[in-house]
Amino acid sequence: MSTSTVLSATAELPGMRFSNLSVDVKTLIVGHVLRPTDMVNLCLTNKQLHEITVRQLYRIVSLDLGGPTDTKLSAFLNPKNIGLPHIRKIRLYLANVMDRCNQQQQAHFAIRMLLEFLPENVLEEFRCDTIPYDGPAYLTDISWCPWAPFSADNLLLLYKKQRRMKWLEAMTLDKEILSTLEKQPYYTEVFQNTRKLAFYPENRETLDLCHAFLIKTPKVEDIIIHANFEYASPPIPERELQDSSTAPGLITSSIFSHMQPFSKCTPLALRDLRLHKINLRYSSDTYCKIVNFSTVKILRFFHCPGVDALLAELSKSTKLPEKLECLELQGKDNAENDILSALDGFLCLVSGVKDLVIDLENVKALPSAACITRHAKTLETMNVHASSGDSDEEELVFDVVDFALICKDCTRLEQMSVAFPVTSLIRTTSDPFMAFM
């Protein structure tokens, strides 16, 4: 909805003018404006629209730090800026500049200034995102601190001044912080409003921090675990990190240590679970007991070996999610295509999927069209890609009959991304391509 559309929204109603509407109605209308440029234009229209629109304009703020634009922070943090109290989410990016000399120090200084001048207790999220990102587009919302390690002093200041955050991250820091944080009078208060925890374990210290955050968060609904021990010092063997047939691995036994033994713990009633680089071959003895999957609505697995074992376990009636709205799966299958088989079986049993994102390598076929159309009444977004080798191999294409079945049955589908048959850009379009079109 553009600015001109908003201002003329009531033009067709006799005797009604946008300027005569109540503030509440105007706020609802402005809430449908999505583009920041349109919101800026609305702010410049008049004083009342400025006060209404600035709340939405400043709700989510994205900043590039460690670059020339850092000088503009002083104007942004001016006490006269009426948008500051309305900031709820801050997303920081390391600026993409040619000269990266001392960039991290400059970025940390900019973060320090930002935290010092922000109003207290306004933030819900404070995220440091990597940019640029060369992976799939649907992964760009995954937060990952690009500065290794992040400033512990800045993190302490963040928790001191912003004690109502709903999203907290545990990441690698430049020094040990847990003992200092636990002594602060506001330590318990920090976690009272937290609903989402993002864990990025890279060493034993980070694992301890993850556990401390989880045990202090009584109302956690969403959990992200993105393991990256490739550069751990000293190195930790993979067999020690991941779960085995005899015992939980270091990652699981550290983060969820307060819940052991898992066979007797009260499972977490999560809404969203996202796992990266976690071996799930023996998840029936760990995650299936740690998490109550019947309440989960969003499942995301990225490069998790053995995810077929978890999907098979979740296909049992006692563990099947009651209403799964989103399923994302990315990884490399084995020679027997166990992941693909488990995925088809799981899709046939679960119900209510709205968003389906699949990206598989080393598979002989695409997910079954019949399993996809099983969710025809709810499916809104479908992103399905697969290849018989690695990501450089040519993608597999749906059979025309299967593709037609999906297009015909999934009437609620709003967005779809699949591979089309090969065709020429300069010669006559191929018949398979025309059939897809």
Protein backbone atom coordinates (compact mmCIF):
# COMPACT_ATOMS: atom_id res chain seq x y z
CA MET A 1 0.00 0.00 0.00
CA SER A 2 1.57 3.29 -1.10
CA THR A 3 1.29 6.71 0.54
CA SER A 4 -1.17 7.94 -2.08
CA THR A 5 -3.33 4.85 -1.54
CA VAL A 6 -3.47 5.52 2.21
CA LEU A 7 -4.44 9.16 1.77
CA SER A 8 -7.17 8.31 -0.75
CA ALA A 9 -8.44 5.22 1.07
CA THR A 10 -11.69 6.94 2.03
CA ALA A 11 -12.15 8.98 -1.12
CA GLU A 12 -14.89 6.70 -2.44
CA LEU A 13 -16.94 6.92 0.77
CA PRO A 14 -19.45 9.83 0.64
CA GLY A 15 -18.86 12.39 3.37
CA MET A 16 -15.73 10.65 4.63
CA ARG A 17 -12.22 12.11 4.60
CA PHE A 18 -9.02 10.52 5.87
CA SER A 19 -8.26 13.59 7.95
CA ASN A 20 -11.56 13.18 9.83
CA LEU A 21 -10.87 9.63 10.97
CA SER A 22 -9.96 8.87 14.56
CA VAL A 23 -6.33 8.29 15.56
CA ASP A 24 -7.02 4.59 16.18
CA VAL A 25 -8.41 4.07 12.67
CA LYS A 26 -5.51 5.98 11.11
CA THR A 27 -3.08 3.83 13.09
CA LEU A 28 -4.70 0.67 11.72
CA ILE A 29 -4.48 2.00 8.15
CA VAL A 30 -0.86 3.05 8.53
CA GLY A 31 -0.11 -0.43 9.87
CA HIS A 32 -0.62 -1.78 6.33
CA VAL A 33 2.17 0.38 4.90
CA LEU A 34 5.21 -1.86 4.44
CA ARG A 35 7.88 0.10 2.58
CA PRO A 36 10.07 2.37 4.74
CA THR A 37 10.14 5.02 1.99
CA ASP A 38 6.34 5.26 2.10
CA MET A 39 6.45 5.53 5.89
CA VAL A 40 8.97 8.37 5.64
CA ASN A 41 6.63 10.20 3.24
CA LEU A 42 3.75 9.73 5.67
CA CYS A 43 5.89 11.16 8.47
CA LEU A 44 6.38 14.31 6.39
CA THR A 45 2.66 14.77 5.68
CA ASN A 46 1.61 16.41 8.95
CA LYS A 47 2.33 16.34 12.67
CA GLN A 48 -0.36 13.79 13.55
CA LEU A 49 0.69 11.30 10.86
CA HIS A 50 4.30 11.82 11.92
CA GLU A 51 3.48 10.77 15.48
CA ILE A 52 1.47 7.76 14.25
CA THR A 53 3.87 6.50 11.58
CA VAL A 54 7.09 6.97 13.52
CA ARG A 55 6.05 4.13 15.86
CA GLN A 56 5.98 1.66 12.99
CA LEU A 57 8.98 3.17 11.20
CA TYR A 58 11.25 2.74 14.22
CA ARG A 59 9.88 -0.60 15.45
CA ILE A 60 12.59 -2.56 13.60
CA VAL A 61 15.90 -0.78 13.07
CA SER A 62 18.74 -2.22 10.94
CA LEU A 63 22.18 -0.62 11.14
CA ASP A 64 25.45 -1.19 9.26
CA LEU A 65 28.31 -0.68 11.70
CA GLY A 66 32.05 -0.47 11.27
CA GLY A 67 31.79 1.81 8.25
CA PRO A 68 31.37 5.48 7.20
CA THR A 69 27.73 5.57 8.30
CA ASP A 70 28.76 5.27 11.97
CA THR A 71 29.03 9.07 12.06
CA LYS A 72 25.26 9.31 11.58
CA LEU A 73 24.58 7.48 14.85
CA SER A 74 24.85 10.74 16.80
CA ALA A 75 21.91 12.18 14.88
CA PHE A 76 19.96 8.94 15.21
CA LEU A 77 20.51 8.86 19.00
CA ASN A 78 19.58 12.50 19.52
CA PRO A 79 17.22 12.90 22.51
CA LYS A 80 14.93 14.95 20.24
CA ASN A 81 14.34 11.89 18.04
CA ILE A 82 10.80 10.90 19.06
CA GLY A 83 11.22 7.49 17.44
CA LEU A 84 13.74 6.15 19.98
CA PRO A 85 11.16 5.04 22.60
CA HIS A 86 9.35 3.02 19.91
CA ILE A 87 12.34 0.86 18.93
CA ARG A 88 11.62 -2.80 19.69
CA LYS A 89 14.06 -4.73 17.50
CA ILE A 90 17.62 -3.84 16.54
CA ARG A 91 19.54 -5.80 13.91
CA LEU A 92 23.20 -4.97 13.47
CA TYR A 93 25.33 -5.81 10.45
CA LEU A 94 29.05 -5.51 9.91
CA ALA A 95 29.39 -2.99 7.08
CA ASN A 96 30.70 -4.30 3.77
CA VAL A 97 33.73 -2.04 3.22
CA MET A 98 37.00 -2.46 1.34
CA ASP A 99 39.27 -1.55 4.26
CA ARG A 100 38.51 -3.81 7.24
CA CYS A 101 41.44 -2.64 9.35
CA ASN A 102 40.19 -2.10 12.95
CA GLN A 103 36.62 -2.53 11.72
CA GLN A 104 35.64 -4.77 14.62
CA GLN A 105 36.90 -2.28 17.21
CA GLN A 106 34.99 0.51 15.46
CA ALA A 107 31.84 -1.60 15.36
CA HIS A 108 32.11 -2.45 19.06
CA PHE A 109 32.52 1.23 19.89
CA ALA A 110 29.43 2.07 17.82
CA ILE A 111 27.45 -0.63 19.65
CA ARG A 112 28.61 0.79 22.98
CA MET A 113 27.40 4.25 22.03
CA LEU A 114 24.11 2.81 20.79
CA LEU A 115 23.48 0.97 24.08
CA GLU A 116 24.45 3.98 26.20
CA PHE A 117 21.99 6.35 24.55
CA LEU A 118 19.02 4.07 23.91
CA PRO A 119 16.08 4.50 26.33
CA GLU A 120 15.98 1.79 28.97
CA ASN A 121 13.76 -1.28 28.70
CA VAL A 122 12.44 -0.68 25.18
CA LEU A 123 14.10 -3.54 23.26
CA GLU A 124 12.56 -6.93 22.57
CA GLU A 125 15.36 -8.17 20.31
CA PHE A 126 19.02 -7.27 19.85
CA ARG A 127 20.59 -9.28 17.04
CA CYS A 128 23.94 -9.23 15.27
CA ASP A 129 23.56 -10.62 11.75
CA THR A 130 26.18 -11.64 9.25
CA ILE A 131 26.19 -9.84 5.92
CA PRO A 132 26.71 -10.59 3.08
CA TYR A 133 25.19 -14.08 3.04
CA ASP A 134 25.60 -16.41 0.06
CA GLY A 135 23.26 -19.20 1.14
CA PRO A 136 19.54 -19.78 0.52
CA ALA A 137 17.37 -16.69 0.90
CA TYR A 138 15.17 -18.27 3.57
CA LEU A 139 18.15 -18.55 5.93
CA THR A 140 18.97 -14.85 6.03
CA ASP A 141 17.02 -14.32 9.25
CA ILE A 142 19.38 -16.59 11.15
CA SER A 143 21.28 -14.44 13.59
CA TRP A 144 25.01 -15.07 13.88
CA CYS A 145 27.52 -12.75 15.43
CA PRO A 146 30.00 -11.73 12.71
CA TRP A 147 32.54 -10.44 15.21
CA ALA A 148 34.56 -13.20 16.79
CA PRO A 149 34.25 -12.88 19.64
CA PHE A 150 31.54 -10.40 20.68
CA SER A 151 32.26 -7.82 23.38
CA ALA A 152 31.35 -9.16 26.85
CA ASP A 153 31.24 -5.62 28.25
CA ASN A 154 28.70 -4.59 25.63
CA LEU A 155 26.60 -7.64 26.42
CA LEU A 156 26.64 -6.80 30.13
CA LEU A 157 25.55 -3.26 29.35
CA LEU A 158 22.76 -4.57 27.13
CA TYR A 159 21.34 -6.75 29.90
CA LYS A 160 21.70 -3.96 32.44
CA LYS A 161 19.69 -1.45 30.41
CA GLN A 162 17.31 -3.73 28.49
CA ARG A 163 15.62 -6.15 30.88
CA ARG A 164 12.43 -6.87 28.93
CA MET A 165 13.82 -8.60 25.89
CA LYS A 166 11.94 -11.54 24.37
CA TRP A 167 14.93 -12.79 22.35
CA LEU A 168 18.29 -13.62 23.93
CA GLU A 169 21.44 -14.99 22.31
CA ALA A 170 24.32 -16.96 23.76
CA MET A 171 27.43 -16.58 21.61
CA THR A 172 31.21 -16.57 21.83
CA LEU A 173 32.53 -13.64 23.87
CA ASP A 174 35.95 -12.06 24.29
CA LYS A 175 36.02 -13.05 27.97
CA GLU A 176 34.12 -15.14 30.49
CA ILE A 177 30.91 -13.40 31.48
CA LEU A 178 28.76 -15.91 33.35
CA SER A 179 30.25 -15.47 36.83
CA THR A 180 29.98 -11.68 36.53
CA LEU A 181 26.46 -11.79 35.12
CA GLU A 182 25.15 -14.05 37.88
CA LYS A 183 26.27 -11.54 40.52
CA GLN A 184 24.26 -8.68 39.01
CA PRO A 185 21.06 -7.69 40.85
CA TYR A 186 19.13 -7.63 37.56
CA TYR A 187 20.25 -11.11 36.43
CA THR A 188 16.96 -12.94 37.09
CA GLU A 189 14.89 -10.04 35.79
CA VAL A 190 16.55 -10.26 32.35
CA PHE A 191 14.87 -13.60 31.60
CA GLN A 192 11.35 -12.94 32.83
CA ASN A 193 10.01 -11.82 29.42
CA THR A 194 12.21 -14.07 27.30
CA ARG A 195 10.38 -16.39 24.92
CA LYS A 196 13.07 -17.20 22.38
CA LEU A 197 16.63 -18.42 22.96
CA ALA A 198 19.25 -18.55 20.23
CA PHE A 199 22.30 -20.68 21.08
CA TYR A 200 25.48 -20.56 19.00
CA PRO A 201 27.89 -22.91 20.82
CA GLU A 202 31.49 -22.88 19.56
CA ASN A 203 33.35 -23.98 22.71
CA ARG A 204 32.77 -25.26 26.23
CA GLU A 205 32.39 -21.74 27.66
CA THR A 206 29.55 -20.99 25.24
CA LEU A 207 27.85 -24.26 26.16
CA ASP A 208 27.89 -23.23 29.83
CA LEU A 209 26.37 -19.86 28.90
CA CYS A 210 23.65 -21.60 26.87
CA HIS A 211 22.76 -23.79 29.85
CA ALA A 212 22.66 -20.81 32.21
CA PHE A 213 20.27 -18.98 29.88
CA LEU A 214 17.97 -21.96 29.44
CA ILE A 215 17.69 -22.77 33.14
CA LYS A 216 16.78 -19.14 33.89
CA THR A 217 14.10 -18.87 31.18
CA PRO A 218 10.88 -20.31 32.61
CA LYS A 219 8.65 -19.51 29.62
CA VAL A 220 10.82 -20.43 26.65
CA GLU A 221 8.80 -21.17 23.49
CA ASP A 222 11.40 -21.08 20.70
CA ILE A 223 14.92 -22.50 20.68
CA ILE A 224 17.66 -22.23 18.06
CA ILE A 225 20.80 -24.36 18.38
CA HIS A 226 23.46 -23.70 15.76
CA ALA A 227 26.62 -25.59 16.59
CA ASN A 228 29.96 -24.63 15.06
CA PHE A 229 32.93 -26.35 16.70
CA GLU A 230 35.12 -26.37 13.62
CA TYR A 231 37.54 -23.84 15.12
CA ALA A 232 37.22 -24.83 18.79
CA SER A 233 40.43 -24.54 20.78
CA PRO A 234 41.36 -27.06 22.01
CA PRO A 235 39.61 -29.19 19.34
CA ILE A 236 36.70 -31.36 20.46
CA PRO A 237 36.19 -34.70 18.63
CA GLU A 238 32.88 -35.04 16.80
CA ARG A 239 32.10 -38.30 18.61
CA GLU A 240 32.31 -36.42 21.91
CA LEU A 241 30.15 -33.53 20.72
CA GLN A 242 27.23 -35.49 19.28
CA ASP A 243 24.84 -38.00 20.87
CA SER A 244 25.72 -41.69 20.63
CA SER A 245 23.92 -44.96 21.23
CA THR A 246 25.36 -45.10 24.76
CA ALA A 247 25.10 -41.52 26.07
CA PRO A 248 24.16 -37.93 25.15
CA GLY A 249 26.92 -35.89 23.52
CA LEU A 250 28.60 -32.82 24.97
CA ILE A 251 26.21 -30.39 23.25
CA THR A 252 23.04 -32.03 24.55
CA SER A 253 24.35 -32.97 27.99
CA SER A 254 25.68 -29.43 28.57
CA ILE A 255 22.77 -27.28 27.37
CA PHE A 256 20.11 -29.53 28.93
CA SER A 257 22.15 -30.85 31.87
CA HIS A 258 19.55 -29.71 34.43
CA MET A 259 16.99 -32.01 32.75
CA GLN A 260 19.00 -35.22 33.10
CA PRO A 261 18.13 -38.04 33.21
CA PHE A 262 16.10 -37.25 30.09
CA SER A 263 13.88 -40.28 30.55
CA LYS A 264 12.39 -38.71 33.69
CA CYS A 265 12.39 -34.98 32.79
CA THR A 266 9.38 -32.80 32.05
CA PRO A 267 9.66 -32.01 28.31
CA LEU A 268 9.74 -28.43 27.08
CA ALA A 269 6.49 -27.25 25.48
CA LEU A 270 8.13 -25.49 22.55
CA ARG A 271 6.45 -23.77 19.62
CA ASP A 272 9.52 -23.46 17.39
CA LEU A 273 12.65 -25.63 17.20
CA ARG A 274 15.54 -24.89 14.83
CA LEU A 275 18.62 -27.11 14.75
CA HIS A 276 21.83 -26.67 12.75
CA LYS A 277 24.65 -29.19 12.48
CA ILE A 278 23.22 -31.39 15.24
CA ASN A 279 23.47 -35.15 14.77
CA LEU A 280 19.97 -36.55 15.32
CA ARG A 281 20.67 -40.23 14.73
CA TYR A 282 20.02 -41.03 18.41
CA SER A 283 17.50 -38.23 19.07
CA SER A 284 14.91 -40.73 20.31
CA ASP A 285 16.84 -40.86 23.59
CA THR A 286 17.52 -37.12 23.80
CA TYR A 287 15.48 -34.51 21.90
CA CYS A 288 12.35 -36.68 21.77
CA LYS A 289 12.39 -36.71 25.57
CA ILE A 290 13.59 -33.13 26.06
CA VAL A 291 10.94 -31.57 23.78
CA ASN A 292 7.20 -32.15 23.69
CA PHE A 293 6.85 -32.28 19.89
CA SER A 294 3.06 -32.45 20.00
CA THR A 295 3.01 -28.69 20.73
CA VAL A 296 5.63 -27.73 18.12
CA LYS A 297 4.33 -25.69 15.17
CA ILE A 298 7.61 -24.85 13.43
CA LEU A 299 10.40 -27.34 12.73
CA ARG A 300 13.63 -26.39 10.96
CA PHE A 301 16.58 -28.74 10.39
CA PHE A 302 19.71 -27.64 8.54
CA HIS A 303 22.56 -30.05 7.81
CA CYS A 304 21.57 -32.37 10.65
CA PRO A 305 22.87 -35.92 10.03
CA GLY A 306 20.39 -38.60 11.05
CA VAL A 307 17.36 -36.30 10.77
CA ASP A 308 15.53 -39.26 9.19
CA ALA A 309 15.65 -41.01 12.58
CA LEU A 310 13.97 -38.03 14.24
CA LEU A 311 11.29 -37.77 11.52
CA ALA A 312 10.58 -41.48 11.88
CA GLU A 313 10.24 -41.10 15.64
CA LEU A 314 7.95 -38.07 15.24
CA SER A 315 5.73 -40.12 12.93
CA LYS A 316 4.57 -42.12 15.96
CA SER A 317 1.15 -41.10 17.24
CA THR A 318 2.44 -40.16 20.70
CA LYS A 319 4.99 -37.69 19.31
CA LEU A 320 3.36 -36.40 16.11
CA PRO A 321 2.91 -32.60 16.14
CA GLU A 322 -0.77 -31.78 16.45
CA LYS A 323 -0.61 -28.89 13.98
CA LEU A 324 2.69 -28.30 12.22
CA GLU A 325 2.55 -24.97 10.36
CA CYS A 326 6.11 -24.81 9.01
CA LEU A 327 8.62 -27.49 8.02
CA GLU A 328 12.08 -26.63 6.70
CA LEU A 329 14.64 -29.28 5.88
CA GLN A 330 18.03 -28.83 4.26
CA GLY A 331 20.75 -31.43 4.04
CA LYS A 332 22.45 -34.25 2.19
CA ASP A 333 20.82 -37.67 2.02
CA ASN A 334 22.59 -41.03 2.16
CA ALA A 335 22.80 -43.63 -0.59
CA GLU A 336 19.57 -45.31 0.56
CA ASN A 337 17.69 -41.98 0.58
CA ASP A 338 16.51 -42.52 4.16
CA ILE A 339 15.81 -38.79 4.67
CA LEU A 340 13.55 -38.63 1.62
CA SER A 341 11.63 -41.76 2.70
CA ALA A 342 11.21 -40.47 6.26
CA LEU A 343 10.12 -37.06 4.95
CA ASP A 344 7.42 -38.54 2.73
CA GLY A 345 6.13 -40.65 5.58
CA PHE A 346 6.10 -37.70 7.98
CA LEU A 347 4.29 -35.42 5.50
CA CYS A 348 1.59 -38.06 5.03
CA LEU A 349 0.87 -38.16 8.76
CA VAL A 350 1.24 -34.57 9.93
CA SER A 351 -1.40 -31.93 9.12
CA GLY A 352 -1.76 -28.18 8.78
CA VAL A 353 1.52 -27.31 7.00
CA LYS A 354 1.45 -23.75 5.62
CA ASP A 355 5.13 -23.29 4.73
CA LEU A 356 7.14 -26.13 3.21
CA VAL A 357 10.83 -25.54 2.45
CA ILE A 358 12.88 -28.53 1.27
CA ASP A 359 16.43 -28.48 -0.11
CA LEU A 360 17.99 -31.92 -0.43
CA GLU A 361 21.16 -33.22 -2.08
CA ASN A 362 22.10 -36.74 -3.18
CA VAL A 363 18.50 -37.91 -3.69
CA LYS A 364 17.05 -39.93 -6.54
CA ALA A 365 13.67 -38.19 -6.61
CA LEU A 366 11.72 -35.20 -5.31
CA PRO A 367 9.32 -35.47 -2.36
CA SER A 368 6.11 -37.21 -3.33
CA ALA A 369 3.49 -34.91 -4.87
CA ALA A 370 0.78 -36.89 -3.08
CA CYS A 371 2.43 -36.10 0.27
CA ILE A 372 2.55 -32.40 -0.63
CA THR A 373 -1.09 -32.25 -1.76
CA ARG A 374 -1.98 -33.84 1.56
CA HIS A 375 -1.69 -30.23 2.81
CA ALA A 376 -3.60 -28.66 -0.07
CA LYS A 377 -6.10 -26.91 2.20
CA THR A 378 -3.41 -25.09 4.21
CA LEU A 379 -0.24 -24.85 2.06
CA GLU A 380 0.63 -21.22 1.27
CA THR A 381 4.38 -21.31 0.56
CA MET A 382 6.20 -24.13 -1.20
CA ASN A 383 9.95 -24.10 -1.81
CA VAL A 384 11.11 -27.56 -2.93
CA HIS A 385 14.49 -28.22 -4.52
CA ALA A 386 16.59 -31.36 -4.82
CA SER A 387 19.53 -32.72 -6.80
CA SER A 388 20.98 -36.16 -7.40
CA GLY A 389 24.45 -34.98 -6.37
CA ASP A 390 25.75 -31.92 -4.58
CA SER A 391 24.45 -28.37 -4.99
CA ASP A 392 26.31 -27.97 -8.30
CA GLU A 393 24.37 -30.81 -9.93
CA GLU A 394 21.38 -30.08 -12.13
CA GLU A 395 18.19 -29.93 -10.08
CA LEU A 396 15.51 -32.59 -10.25
CA VAL A 397 12.24 -31.57 -11.90
CA PHE A 398 8.72 -32.66 -10.98
CA ASP A 399 6.88 -34.84 -13.44
CA VAL A 400 4.37 -32.72 -15.41
CA VAL A 401 1.45 -34.74 -14.05
CA ASP A 402 2.67 -34.32 -10.46
CA PHE A 403 3.30 -30.61 -10.95
CA ALA A 404 -0.18 -30.14 -12.43
CA LEU A 405 -1.65 -32.02 -9.46
CA ILE A 406 0.09 -29.68 -7.00
CA CYS A 407 -1.01 -26.55 -8.90
CA LYS A 408 -4.59 -27.79 -9.15
CA ASP A 409 -5.10 -29.06 -5.61
CA CYS A 410 -3.16 -26.46 -3.58
CA THR A 411 -5.60 -23.61 -4.10
CA ARG A 412 -4.22 -21.52 -1.20
CA LEU A 413 -0.69 -21.50 -2.60
CA GLU A 414 0.66 -17.94 -2.80
CA GLN A 415 4.35 -18.52 -3.44
CA MET A 416 6.16 -21.43 -5.08
CA SER A 417 9.78 -22.13 -5.98
CA VAL A 418 10.68 -25.30 -7.90
CA ALA A 419 13.03 -26.25 -10.72
CA PHE A 420 11.57 -25.98 -14.22
CA PRO A 421 12.58 -28.15 -17.21
CA VAL A 422 15.58 -27.01 -19.23
CA THR A 423 14.84 -24.73 -22.17
CA SER A 424 16.66 -22.39 -24.52
CA LEU A 425 16.53 -18.63 -24.14
CA ILE A 426 17.25 -17.93 -27.81
CA ARG A 427 15.61 -20.88 -29.60
CA THR A 428 12.14 -22.39 -29.50
CA THR A 429 10.91 -23.07 -25.98
CA SER A 430 11.00 -26.76 -25.11
CA ASP A 431 7.73 -28.69 -24.84
CA PRO A 432 8.30 -29.78 -21.17
CA PHE A 433 8.92 -26.15 -20.22
CA MET A 434 5.72 -25.05 -21.99
CA ALA A 435 3.82 -27.79 -20.17
CA PHE A 436 5.03 -26.38 -16.84
CA MET A 437 4.15 -22.83 -17.86
